[in-house]
Structures are given as structure tokens and as C-alpha cells.
Amino acid sequence: MEARNSFHAPGWGGPCPPPGPPHRYVFTVYALPDAHLPVRRGADPAEAIRAAERRRIDQAALTATFRRS
């Protein structure tokens, strides 16, 4: 299931930092007991996160930085 991203479309769009210093990205992954969340494709990201947090077994986060060269 893919929620709507900051490009206002479902799916992954990749990093697109603003010009200047490195931009910080936080990736959060959830361990869930089910294969699917009860949200529609293209749902608001906050809706998908709320559904994942209600069902999570565990979670982890990775923070990375990226900048345009």
C-alpha cells in the first residue's frame, strides 16, 4: 500500500532536497502483524501512519542526510 507522498502522488519519489546544506530525512519502518493496512491507496500520509502505529509490533528509524551536488 502506498500513501500519498510530498509530490502528491502515491509511491516513492526519492530525495529531493532544497539547494544548500544537507537536508535530513527520517525513515521509519514498522513491524506489523498483517500484510495490509486498512487504508485506501493514495491515503493521506498521516492516516497511514496512524493505522501503522495502532497495529505496530515494533518500529525503527533511520536518519540520513542528502544534498544536491
PDB file of N, CA and C in Angstrom:
ATOM      1  N   MET A   1       0.852  -1.167   0.000  1.00  0.00           N
ATOM      2  CA  MET A   1       0.000   0.000   0.000  1.00  0.00           C
ATOM      3  C   MET A   1       0.894   1.225   0.000  1.00  0.00           C
ATOM      4  N   GLU A   2       0.613   2.151  -0.830  1.00  0.00           N
ATOM      5  CA  GLU A   2       1.401   3.371  -0.902  1.00  0.00           C
ATOM      6  C   GLU A   2       0.526   4.567  -0.566  1.00  0.00           C
ATOM      7  N   ALA A   3       0.947   5.317   0.425  1.00  0.00           N
ATOM      8  CA  ALA A   3       0.238   6.548   0.774  1.00  0.00           C
ATOM      9  C   ALA A   3       0.710   7.658  -0.175  1.00  0.00           C
ATOM     10  N   ARG A   4       0.038   8.761  -0.122  1.00  0.00           N
ATOM     11  CA  ARG A   4       0.420   9.924  -0.927  1.00  0.00           C
ATOM     12  C   ARG A   4       1.724  10.491  -0.386  1.00  0.00           C
ATOM     13  N   ASN A   5       2.620  10.891  -1.252  1.00  0.00           N
ATOM     14  CA  ASN A   5       3.904  11.442  -0.829  1.00  0.00           C
ATOM     15  C   ASN A   5       3.911  12.968  -0.950  1.00  0.00           C
ATOM     16  N   SER A   6       5.057  13.583  -0.746  1.00  0.00           N
ATOM     17  CA  SER A   6       5.124  15.048  -0.807  1.00  0.00           C
ATOM     18  C   SER A   6       5.026  15.574  -2.238  1.00  0.00           C
ATOM     19  N   PHE A   7       5.053  14.668  -3.225  1.00  0.00           N
ATOM     20  CA  PHE A   7       4.807  15.052  -4.617  1.00  0.00           C
ATOM     21  C   PHE A   7       3.307  14.946  -4.937  1.00  0.00           C
ATOM     22  N   HIS A   8       2.491  14.622  -3.921  1.00  0.00           N
ATOM     23  CA  HIS A   8       1.030  14.499  -4.024  1.00  0.00           C
ATOM     24  C   HIS A   8       0.595  13.343  -4.927  1.00  0.00           C
ATOM     25  N   ALA A   9       1.390  12.275  -4.931  1.00  0.00           N
ATOM     26  CA  ALA A   9       1.065  11.075  -5.702  1.00  0.00           C
ATOM     27  C   ALA A   9       1.447   9.853  -4.875  1.00  0.00           C
ATOM     28  N   PRO A  10       0.801   8.712  -5.092  1.00  0.00           N
ATOM     29  CA  PRO A  10       1.189   7.505  -4.359  1.00  0.00           C
ATOM     30  C   PRO A  10       2.590   7.051  -4.781  1.00  0.00           C
ATOM     31  N   GLY A  11       3.339   6.489  -3.843  1.00  0.00           N
ATOM     32  CA  GLY A  11       4.631   5.890  -4.181  1.00  0.00           C
ATOM     33  C   GLY A  11       5.831   6.660  -3.679  1.00  0.00           C
ATOM     34  N   TRP A  12       6.987   6.146  -4.038  1.00  0.00           N
ATOM     35  CA  TRP A  12       8.263   6.703  -3.612  1.00  0.00           C
ATOM     36  C   TRP A  12       8.775   7.625  -4.694  1.00  0.00           C
ATOM     37  N   GLY A  13       9.167   8.840  -4.324  1.00  0.00           N
ATOM     38  CA  GLY A  13       9.689   9.796  -5.283  1.00  0.00           C
ATOM     39  C   GLY A  13      11.170  10.051  -5.129  1.00  0.00           C
ATOM     40  N   GLY A  14      11.773   9.504  -4.088  1.00  0.00           N
ATOM     41  CA  GLY A  14      13.198   9.720  -3.853  1.00  0.00           C
ATOM     42  C   GLY A  14      13.468  11.054  -3.200  1.00  0.00           C
ATOM     43  N   PRO A  15      14.694  11.246  -2.703  1.00  0.00           N
ATOM     44  CA  PRO A  15      15.023  12.515  -2.050  1.00  0.00           C
ATOM     45  C   PRO A  15      15.088  13.652  -3.066  1.00  0.00           C
ATOM     46  N   CYS A  16      14.614  14.794  -2.650  1.00  0.00           N
ATOM     47  CA  CYS A  16      14.659  15.994  -3.492  1.00  0.00           C
ATOM     48  C   CYS A  16      14.904  17.193  -2.568  1.00  0.00           C
ATOM     49  N   PRO A  17      16.122  17.273  -2.011  1.00  0.00           N
ATOM     50  CA  PRO A  17      16.394  18.326  -1.037  1.00  0.00           C
ATOM     51  C   PRO A  17      16.472  19.707  -1.685  1.00  0.00           C
ATOM     52  N   PRO A  18      16.204  20.729  -0.895  1.00  0.00           N
ATOM     53  CA  PRO A  18      16.375  22.079  -1.414  1.00  0.00           C
ATOM     54  C   PRO A  18      17.866  22.357  -1.596  1.00  0.00           C
ATOM     55  N   PRO A  19      18.210  23.319  -2.439  1.00  0.00           N
ATOM     56  CA  PRO A  19      19.623  23.690  -2.574  1.00  0.00           C
ATOM     57  C   PRO A  19      20.180  24.170  -1.237  1.00  0.00           C
ATOM     58  N   GLY A  20      21.484  24.010  -1.059  1.00  0.00           N
ATOM     59  CA  GLY A  20      22.125  24.477   0.165  1.00  0.00           C
ATOM     60  C   GLY A  20      22.689  23.350   0.990  1.00  0.00           C
ATOM     61  N   PRO A  21      22.652  23.504   2.309  1.00  0.00           N
ATOM     62  CA  PRO A  21      23.256  22.489   3.185  1.00  0.00           C
ATOM     63  C   PRO A  21      22.489  21.167   3.120  1.00  0.00           C
ATOM     64  N   PRO A  22      23.109  20.086   3.597  1.00  0.00           N
ATOM     65  CA  PRO A  22      22.435  18.790   3.580  1.00  0.00           C
ATOM     66  C   PRO A  22      21.071  18.852   4.270  1.00  0.00           C
ATOM     67  N   HIS A  23      20.145  18.094   3.736  1.00  0.00           N
ATOM     68  CA  HIS A  23      18.783  18.008   4.260  1.00  0.00           C
ATOM     69  C   HIS A  23      18.644  16.673   4.988  1.00  0.00           C
ATOM     70  N   ARG A  24      17.949  16.672   6.086  1.00  0.00           N
ATOM     71  CA  ARG A  24      17.794  15.466   6.904  1.00  0.00           C
ATOM     72  C   ARG A  24      16.514  14.730   6.532  1.00  0.00           C
ATOM     73  N   TYR A  25      16.630  13.418   6.359  1.00  0.00           N
ATOM     74  CA  TYR A  25      15.486  12.553   6.068  1.00  0.00           C
ATOM     75  C   TYR A  25      15.384  11.515   7.167  1.00  0.00           C
ATOM     76  N   VAL A  26      14.186  11.282   7.678  1.00  0.00           N
ATOM     77  CA  VAL A  26      13.963  10.263   8.707  1.00  0.00           C
ATOM     78  C   VAL A  26      13.056   9.191   8.106  1.00  0.00           C
ATOM     79  N   PHE A  27      13.553   7.963   8.045  1.00  0.00           N
ATOM     80  CA  PHE A  27      12.796   6.820   7.538  1.00  0.00           C
ATOM     81  C   PHE A  27      12.360   5.995   8.739  1.00  0.00           C
ATOM     82  N   THR A  28      11.066   5.770   8.872  1.00  0.00           N
ATOM     83  CA  THR A  28      10.534   4.944   9.954  1.00  0.00           C
ATOM     84  C   THR A  28       9.917   3.703   9.341  1.00  0.00           C
ATOM     85  N   VAL A  29      10.313   2.540   9.861  1.00  0.00           N
ATOM     86  CA  VAL A  29       9.735   1.272   9.407  1.00  0.00           C
ATOM     87  C   VAL A  29       8.982   0.650  10.573  1.00  0.00           C
ATOM     88  N   TYR A  30       7.891  -0.033  10.253  1.00  0.00           N
ATOM     89  CA  TYR A  30       7.039  -0.640  11.268  1.00  0.00           C
ATOM     90  C   TYR A  30       6.973  -2.143  11.037  1.00  0.00           C
ATOM     91  N   ALA A  31       7.080  -2.915  12.122  1.00  0.00           N
ATOM     92  CA  ALA A  31       6.793  -4.349  12.081  1.00  0.00           C
ATOM     93  C   ALA A  31       5.317  -4.487  12.401  1.00  0.00           C
ATOM     94  N   LEU A  32       4.564  -5.074  11.463  1.00  0.00           N
ATOM     95  CA  LEU A  32       3.111  -5.183  11.597  1.00  0.00           C
ATOM     96  C   LEU A  32       2.680  -6.645  11.582  1.00  0.00           C
ATOM     97  N   PRO A  33       1.578  -6.971  12.245  1.00  0.00           N
ATOM     98  CA  PRO A  33       1.114  -8.352  12.260  1.00  0.00           C
ATOM     99  C   PRO A  33       0.366  -8.759  10.991  1.00  0.00           C
ATOM    100  N   ASP A  34       0.004  -7.795  10.145  1.00  0.00           N
ATOM    101  CA  ASP A  34      -0.779  -8.058   8.941  1.00  0.00           C
ATOM    102  C   ASP A  34      -0.015  -7.569   7.714  1.00  0.00           C
ATOM    103  N   ALA A  35      -0.365  -8.110   6.566  1.00  0.00           N
ATOM    104  CA  ALA A  35       0.295  -7.721   5.319  1.00  0.00           C
ATOM    105  C   ALA A  35      -0.214  -6.377   4.779  1.00  0.00           C
ATOM    106  N   HIS A  36      -1.414  -5.972   5.182  1.00  0.00           N
ATOM    107  CA  HIS A  36      -2.016  -4.756   4.629  1.00  0.00           C
ATOM    108  C   HIS A  36      -2.606  -3.888   5.733  1.00  0.00           C
ATOM    109  N   LEU A  37      -2.530  -2.576   5.526  1.00  0.00           N
ATOM    110  CA  LEU A  37      -3.194  -1.628   6.425  1.00  0.00           C
ATOM    111  C   LEU A  37      -4.582  -1.326   5.871  1.00  0.00           C
ATOM    112  N   PRO A  38      -5.552  -1.075   6.733  1.00  0.00           N
ATOM    113  CA  PRO A  38      -6.909  -0.780   6.264  1.00  0.00           C
ATOM    114  C   PRO A  38      -7.062   0.695   5.852  1.00  0.00           C
ATOM    115  N   VAL A  39      -6.259   1.119   4.904  1.00  0.00           N
ATOM    116  CA  VAL A  39      -6.368   2.468   4.340  1.00  0.00           C
ATOM    117  C   VAL A  39      -6.343   2.337   2.820  1.00  0.00           C
ATOM    118  N   ARG A  40      -6.936   3.292   2.161  1.00  0.00           N
ATOM    119  CA  ARG A  40      -7.008   3.246   0.696  1.00  0.00           C
ATOM    120  C   ARG A  40      -5.686   3.688   0.069  1.00  0.00           C
ATOM    121  N   ARG A  41      -5.419   3.224  -1.142  1.00  0.00           N
ATOM    122  CA  ARG A  41      -4.220   3.650  -1.884  1.00  0.00           C
ATOM    123  C   ARG A  41      -4.304   5.157  -2.097  1.00  0.00           C
ATOM    124  N   GLY A  42      -3.200   5.847  -1.901  1.00  0.00           N
ATOM    125  CA  GLY A  42      -3.182   7.293  -2.041  1.00  0.00           C
ATOM    126  C   GLY A  42      -3.703   8.026  -0.827  1.00  0.00           C
ATOM    127  N   ALA A  43      -3.822   7.305   0.298  1.00  0.00           N
ATOM    128  CA  ALA A  43      -4.310   7.926   1.536  1.00  0.00           C
ATOM    129  C   ALA A  43      -3.352   9.024   1.991  1.00  0.00           C
ATOM    130  N   ASP A  44      -3.863   9.912   2.795  1.00  0.00           N
ATOM    131  CA  ASP A  44      -3.034  10.936   3.413  1.00  0.00           C
ATOM    132  C   ASP A  44      -1.962  10.242   4.246  1.00  0.00           C
ATOM    133  N   PRO A  45      -0.703  10.689   4.185  1.00  0.00           N
ATOM    134  CA  PRO A  45       0.360  10.033   4.958  1.00  0.00           C
ATOM    135  C   PRO A  45       0.047   9.917   6.449  1.00  0.00           C
ATOM    136  N   ALA A  46      -0.558  10.928   7.031  1.00  0.00           N
ATOM    137  CA  ALA A  46      -0.878  10.881   8.464  1.00  0.00           C
ATOM    138  C   ALA A  46      -1.862   9.753   8.765  1.00  0.00           C
ATOM    139  N   GLU A  47      -2.796   9.501   7.853  1.00  0.00           N
ATOM    140  CA  GLU A  47      -3.766   8.415   8.033  1.00  0.00           C
ATOM    141  C   GLU A  47      -3.049   7.057   8.024  1.00  0.00           C
ATOM    142  N   ALA A  48      -2.122   6.865   7.095  1.00  0.00           N
ATOM    143  CA  ALA A  48      -1.375   5.608   7.016  1.00  0.00           C
ATOM    144  C   ALA A  48      -0.493   5.414   8.252  1.00  0.00           C
ATOM    145  N   ILE A  49       0.132   6.481   8.719  1.00  0.00           N
ATOM    146  CA  ILE A  49       0.983   6.388   9.917  1.00  0.00           C
ATOM    147  C   ILE A  49       0.141   6.040  11.139  1.00  0.00           C
ATOM    148  N   ARG A  50      -1.019   6.675  11.293  1.00  0.00           N
ATOM    149  CA  ARG A  50      -1.894   6.349  12.427  1.00  0.00           C
ATOM    150  C   ARG A  50      -2.300   4.883  12.404  1.00  0.00           C
ATOM    151  N   ALA A  51      -2.642   4.368  11.230  1.00  0.00           N
ATOM    152  CA  ALA A  51      -3.026   2.960  11.106  1.00  0.00           C
ATOM    153  C   ALA A  51      -1.854   2.047  11.462  1.00  0.00           C
ATOM    154  N   ALA A  52      -0.652   2.375  11.013  1.00  0.00           N
ATOM    155  CA  ALA A  52       0.528   1.560  11.323  1.00  0.00           C
ATOM    156  C   ALA A  52       0.849   1.611  12.812  1.00  0.00           C
ATOM    157  N   GLU A  53       0.762   2.791  13.412  1.00  0.00           N
ATOM    158  CA  GLU A  53       1.077   2.919  14.836  1.00  0.00           C
ATOM    159  C   GLU A  53       0.080   2.172  15.713  1.00  0.00           C
ATOM    160  N   ARG A  54      -1.187   2.097  15.306  1.00  0.00           N
ATOM    161  CA  ARG A  54      -2.185   1.349  16.077  1.00  0.00           C
ATOM    162  C   ARG A  54      -1.901  -0.151  16.061  1.00  0.00           C
ATOM    163  N   ARG A  55      -1.271  -0.644  14.990  1.00  0.00           N
ATOM    164  CA  ARG A  55      -1.061  -2.079  14.825  1.00  0.00           C
ATOM    165  C   ARG A  55       0.391  -2.523  15.043  1.00  0.00           C
ATOM    166  N   ARG A  56       1.287  -1.604  15.261  1.00  0.00           N
ATOM    167  CA  ARG A  56       2.716  -1.949  15.271  1.00  0.00           C
ATOM    168  C   ARG A  56       3.083  -2.943  16.367  1.00  0.00           C
ATOM    169  N   ILE A  57       3.987  -3.824  16.002  1.00  0.00           N
ATOM    170  CA  ILE A  57       4.625  -4.718  16.952  1.00  0.00           C
ATOM    171  C   ILE A  57       5.889  -4.038  17.455  1.00  0.00           C
ATOM    172  N   ASP A  58       6.589  -3.404  16.522  1.00  0.00           N
ATOM    173  CA  ASP A  58       7.803  -2.660  16.846  1.00  0.00           C
ATOM    174  C   ASP A  58       8.058  -1.670  15.717  1.00  0.00           C
ATOM    175  N   GLN A  59       9.017  -0.787  15.931  1.00  0.00           N
ATOM    176  CA  GLN A  59       9.390   0.158  14.887  1.00  0.00           C
ATOM    177  C   GLN A  59      10.848   0.542  15.046  1.00  0.00           C
ATOM    178  N   ALA A  60      11.424   1.051  13.973  1.00  0.00           N
ATOM    179  CA  ALA A  60      12.806   1.533  13.988  1.00  0.00           C
ATOM    180  C   ALA A  60      12.874   2.744  13.068  1.00  0.00           C
ATOM    181  N   ALA A  61      13.857   3.598  13.304  1.00  0.00           N
ATOM    182  CA  ALA A  61      14.025   4.788  12.470  1.00  0.00           C
ATOM    183  C   ALA A  61      15.483   4.920  12.047  1.00  0.00           C
ATOM    184  N   LEU A  62      15.672   5.429  10.859  1.00  0.00           N
ATOM    185  CA  LEU A  62      16.989   5.703  10.310  1.00  0.00           C
ATOM    186  C   LEU A  62      16.985   7.160   9.867  1.00  0.00           C
ATOM    187  N   THR A  63      17.972   7.915  10.292  1.00  0.00           N
ATOM    188  CA  THR A  63      18.101   9.302   9.863  1.00  0.00           C
ATOM    189  C   THR A  63      19.281   9.404   8.922  1.00  0.00           C
ATOM    190  N   ALA A  64      19.069   9.994   7.751  1.00  0.00           N
ATOM    191  CA  ALA A  64      20.117  10.143   6.753  1.00  0.00           C
ATOM    192  C   ALA A  64      20.118  11.590   6.260  1.00  0.00           C
ATOM    193  N   THR A  65      21.224  12.013   5.707  1.00  0.00           N
ATOM    194  CA  THR A  65      21.310  13.349   5.114  1.00  0.00           C
ATOM    195  C   THR A  65      21.662  13.221   3.651  1.00  0.00           C
ATOM    196  N   PHE A  66      21.193  14.178   2.871  1.00  0.00           N
ATOM    197  CA  PHE A  66      21.432  14.189   1.441  1.00  0.00           C
ATOM    198  C   PHE A  66      21.436  15.633   1.004  1.00  0.00           C
ATOM    199  N   ARG A  67      22.296  15.955   0.042  1.00  0.00           N
ATOM    200  CA  ARG A  67      22.281  17.312  -0.513  1.00  0.00           C
ATOM    201  C   ARG A  67      22.559  17.232  -1.999  1.00  0.00           C
ATOM    202  N   ARG A  68      22.151  18.249  -2.677  1.00  0.00           N
ATOM    203  CA  ARG A  68      22.417  18.321  -4.119  1.00  0.00           C
ATOM    204  C   ARG A  68      23.880  18.674  -4.331  1.00  0.00           C
ATOM    205  N   SER A  69      24.475  18.060  -5.338  1.00  0.00           N
ATOM    206  CA  SER A  69      25.890  18.377  -5.608  1.00  0.00           C
ATOM    207  C   SER A  69      26.016  19.478  -6.631  1.00  0.00           C
TER     208      SER A  69
END
